[in-house]
Amino acid sequence: MESSGVMRTIMVVSFLFLDLEPPQLPIVDFQTQGEDFSSCMQQNPSLMAHRISRDLDSVSNSKGFVLTQWQGRRLGFEHKRIGE
């Protein structure tokens, strides 16, 4: 809606699990940047439903992932852009 030079973007990453119940899994709190995120997820298969809120200004450089949401379906990643 607001275009003052740089469009602010939030990177949303959804990490999905197959046949797992959210209440029975630990909620892991983590915040990382870029490529470290991929390796972190591969080394932590029990990672699940979690939300991280960050300032839009710090995300404007497209580094880092902001949200991780529990979907309860299958294992995978989903990248979205929000802020238009």
Protein backbone atom coordinates (compact mmCIF):
# COMPACT_ATOMS: atom_id res chain seq x y z
CA MET A 1 0.00 0.00 0.00
CA GLU A 2 2.78 2.33 0.92
CA SER A 3 5.70 2.61 -1.48
CA SER A 4 8.35 4.87 0.03
CA GLY A 5 11.33 3.73 -2.04
CA VAL A 6 11.87 0.31 -0.55
CA MET A 7 9.09 -2.23 -0.24
CA ARG A 8 9.07 -3.89 3.15
CA THR A 9 8.78 -7.62 2.98
CA ILE A 10 8.18 -10.33 5.52
CA MET A 11 9.50 -13.77 4.67
CA VAL A 12 7.13 -16.43 5.86
CA VAL A 13 8.35 -19.98 6.16
CA SER A 14 5.93 -22.75 6.91
CA PHE A 15 7.42 -25.95 8.23
CA LEU A 16 5.02 -28.86 7.85
CA PHE A 17 4.88 -32.24 9.55
CA LEU A 18 3.17 -35.47 8.61
CA ASP A 19 0.72 -37.06 11.08
CA LEU A 20 2.01 -35.27 14.16
CA GLU A 21 0.00 -33.60 16.90
CA PRO A 22 1.13 -30.07 17.84
CA PRO A 23 0.49 -30.44 21.62
CA GLN A 24 2.83 -33.44 21.81
CA LEU A 25 5.78 -31.74 20.16
CA PRO A 26 8.11 -29.20 21.77
CA ILE A 27 7.94 -25.62 20.56
CA VAL A 28 11.41 -24.57 19.50
CA ASP A 29 12.38 -20.94 19.64
CA PHE A 30 15.05 -19.93 17.15
CA GLN A 31 15.97 -17.10 14.88
CA THR A 32 18.58 -17.36 12.15
CA GLN A 33 19.58 -15.88 8.82
CA GLY A 34 19.75 -17.01 5.21
CA GLU A 35 21.50 -20.30 4.52
CA ASP A 36 21.92 -21.17 8.18
CA PHE A 37 18.17 -21.67 8.29
CA SER A 38 18.20 -24.61 5.86
CA SER A 39 20.92 -26.50 7.71
CA CYS A 40 19.23 -25.75 11.03
CA MET A 41 15.94 -27.25 9.84
CA GLN A 42 17.63 -30.38 8.46
CA GLN A 43 19.37 -30.96 11.77
CA ASN A 44 16.17 -30.38 13.78
CA PRO A 45 13.42 -32.66 12.42
CA SER A 46 11.33 -32.11 15.55
CA LEU A 47 11.03 -28.40 14.87
CA MET A 48 7.41 -27.26 14.67
CA ALA A 49 4.78 -24.59 15.10
CA HIS A 50 6.44 -21.42 15.99
CA ARG A 51 6.13 -17.75 15.31
CA ILE A 52 8.83 -15.13 15.30
CA SER A 53 7.96 -11.47 14.93
CA ARG A 54 10.62 -9.10 13.71
CA ASP A 55 10.70 -5.43 12.86
CA LEU A 56 9.89 -4.77 9.20
CA ASP A 57 12.87 -2.45 8.92
CA SER A 58 15.29 -5.23 9.83
CA VAL A 59 13.72 -7.53 7.25
CA SER A 60 13.86 -5.05 4.38
CA ASN A 61 17.26 -6.43 3.33
CA SER A 62 15.62 -9.82 2.67
CA LYS A 63 17.87 -11.60 5.17
CA GLY A 64 16.36 -13.97 7.69
CA PHE A 65 13.05 -15.75 8.08
CA VAL A 66 10.30 -14.25 10.16
CA LEU A 67 7.51 -16.72 10.73
CA THR A 68 7.31 -20.48 11.06
CA GLN A 69 3.77 -21.80 11.19
CA TRP A 70 2.33 -25.18 12.12
CA GLN A 71 0.21 -26.68 9.35
CA GLY A 72 0.09 -30.34 10.49
CA ARG A 73 0.17 -31.94 7.05
CA ARG A 74 3.49 -32.79 5.48
CA LEU A 75 7.18 -32.04 5.68
CA GLY A 76 8.30 -29.10 3.61
CA PHE A 77 8.93 -25.39 3.24
CA GLU A 78 6.79 -22.63 1.85
CA HIS A 79 8.11 -19.17 1.09
CA LYS A 80 5.76 -16.22 0.82
CA ARG A 81 6.05 -12.48 0.62
CA ILE A 82 3.80 -10.13 2.54
CA GLY A 83 3.58 -6.39 2.55
CA GLU A 84 2.08 -5.22 -0.73
